[in-house]
Protein backbone atom coordinates (compact mmCIF):
# COMPACT_ATOMS: atom_id res chain seq x y z
CA VAL A 1 7.11 -2.12 43.02
CA GLU A 2 7.02 -4.08 39.81
CA THR A 3 7.62 -2.26 36.55
CA PRO A 4 5.10 -3.23 33.82
CA GLN A 5 6.76 -4.93 30.85
CA PRO A 6 5.61 -4.70 27.25
CA ALA A 7 3.92 -7.80 25.87
CA ARG A 8 6.52 -10.13 24.45
CA GLN A 9 6.01 -11.36 20.91
CA ASP A 10 7.16 -14.78 19.86
CA PRO A 11 10.23 -14.27 17.59
CA LEU A 12 9.07 -17.09 15.30
CA GLU A 13 5.70 -15.40 14.78
CA ILE A 14 7.49 -12.18 13.83
CA ARG A 15 9.65 -14.03 11.26
CA ARG A 16 6.62 -15.77 9.73
CA ALA A 17 5.00 -12.55 8.49
CA ILE A 18 5.75 -11.75 4.85
CA HIS A 19 6.37 -8.07 4.19
CA TRP A 20 5.83 -7.27 0.53
CA GLN A 21 8.26 -4.33 0.58
CA ASP A 22 11.08 -6.87 1.08
CA SER A 23 12.83 -8.27 -2.01
CA ALA A 24 11.42 -11.31 -3.83
CA TRP A 25 14.72 -13.10 -3.08
CA ARG A 26 14.34 -12.49 0.67
CA ILE A 27 10.66 -13.54 0.73
CA SER A 28 11.44 -16.67 -1.28
CA ASN A 29 14.13 -17.64 1.23
CA GLN A 30 11.77 -16.86 4.12
CA VAL A 31 9.10 -19.16 2.65
CA ARG A 32 11.67 -21.92 2.03
CA ALA A 33 13.02 -21.66 5.61
CA LEU A 34 9.55 -21.93 7.13
CA THR A 35 8.12 -24.54 4.78
CA TYR A 36 5.69 -27.31 5.71
CA PRO A 37 5.55 -29.00 8.24
CA TRP A 38 7.09 -26.05 9.99
CA PRO A 39 4.95 -23.04 10.78
CA MET A 40 5.03 -21.52 7.22
CA ALA A 41 5.18 -17.87 6.23
CA THR A 42 1.97 -15.84 6.43
CA VAL A 43 0.16 -13.32 4.24
CA ALA A 44 -3.35 -11.91 4.40
CA VAL A 45 -6.17 -11.39 1.95
CA ALA A 46 -8.92 -9.00 3.09
CA GLY A 47 -7.64 -9.39 6.64
CA GLN A 48 -7.84 -13.23 6.51
CA PRO A 49 -4.53 -15.12 7.11
CA LEU A 50 -3.14 -17.56 4.58
CA LEU A 51 0.01 -19.69 4.72
CA VAL A 52 2.55 -19.72 1.89
CA ALA A 53 4.14 -23.18 1.45
CA ARG A 54 6.04 -22.63 -1.84
CA ALA A 55 7.20 -19.55 -3.73
CA ARG A 56 9.94 -18.50 -6.11
CA ALA A 57 11.59 -15.19 -6.98
CA VAL A 58 11.07 -14.00 -10.55
CA ASN A 59 13.15 -11.42 -12.41
CA SER A 60 10.30 -9.34 -13.86
CA GLY A 61 11.08 -5.71 -13.15
CA MET A 62 9.76 -3.43 -10.45
CA VAL A 63 6.09 -3.47 -9.51
CA LEU A 64 4.14 -2.28 -6.53
CA PRO A 65 4.58 -4.50 -3.42
CA GLY A 66 1.65 -6.78 -2.72
CA ILE A 67 -0.07 -6.19 -6.07
CA VAL A 68 -1.04 -9.20 -8.22
CA VAL A 69 0.57 -8.64 -11.61
CA ASP A 70 -0.15 -11.98 -13.29
CA ARG A 71 -1.71 -15.34 -12.65
CA SER A 72 -1.77 -18.81 -14.24
CA ASP A 73 -2.87 -22.26 -13.18
CA GLU A 74 0.62 -22.78 -11.64
CA ALA A 75 1.29 -19.48 -9.90
CA ILE A 76 0.10 -16.07 -8.78
CA ARG A 77 2.75 -13.38 -9.45
CA VAL A 78 2.89 -10.65 -6.80
CA GLY A 79 5.04 -7.53 -6.75
CA THR A 80 7.57 -7.04 -3.97
CA GLY A 81 10.08 -4.35 -2.99
CA GLY A 82 12.45 -5.83 -5.56
CA GLN A 83 11.29 -7.92 -8.56
CA SER A 84 8.27 -10.25 -8.27
CA LEU A 85 7.35 -13.43 -6.42
CA ASP A 86 5.40 -16.39 -7.78
CA LEU A 87 3.16 -17.97 -5.13
CA LEU A 88 3.15 -21.65 -6.02
CA GLU A 89 1.33 -23.19 -3.04
CA VAL A 90 -0.97 -21.44 -0.57
CA ARG A 91 -2.70 -23.08 2.39
CA THR A 92 -5.53 -22.24 4.72
CA PRO A 93 -4.71 -21.60 8.42
CA ASP A 94 -5.62 -25.25 9.09
CA ARG A 95 -2.91 -26.25 6.52
CA LYS A 96 -5.19 -27.49 3.76
CA ILE A 97 -3.92 -26.71 0.26
CA LEU A 98 -5.95 -23.89 -1.30
CA PRO A 99 -6.31 -24.12 -5.09
CA LEU A 100 -4.86 -21.01 -6.71
CA SER A 101 -8.12 -20.65 -8.64
CA ALA A 102 -9.81 -19.88 -5.30
CA LEU A 103 -7.75 -16.67 -5.24
CA ALA A 104 -8.75 -15.64 -8.78
CA GLN A 105 -10.45 -12.41 -7.60
CA VAL A 106 -7.57 -11.31 -5.34
CA ARG A 107 -5.83 -8.14 -6.59
CA VAL A 108 -3.78 -7.29 -3.47
CA PHE A 109 -2.01 -9.40 -0.84
CA GLU A 110 -1.48 -7.80 2.55
CA ASP A 111 1.53 -8.29 4.84
CA GLY A 112 1.33 -11.27 7.12
CA ALA A 113 0.22 -10.68 10.68
CA HIS A 114 2.46 -10.99 13.69
């Protein structure tokens, strides 16, 4: 008799998912470790996946994780579990660079899927 086993998740897929309750420093390092052409870290907007190719931690005080707190032509600042994170380059799932202006209406980023 064979015992059913739980579905196995790819460890790399698990590591790709950004969790906004983590610190900005940790997420920045996660993005850097998985940068293009590697698989890249993932987030979601309205359930749609996006890839984060470049980000930096910013010392800006505590804000709610995943909430957009500021934006400019160069970055979208998002709250994390510790400080904030500037998203500098975001890509579509097919790896095309997405202009940050295309995310102008986004108020909340969701955790990446895994």
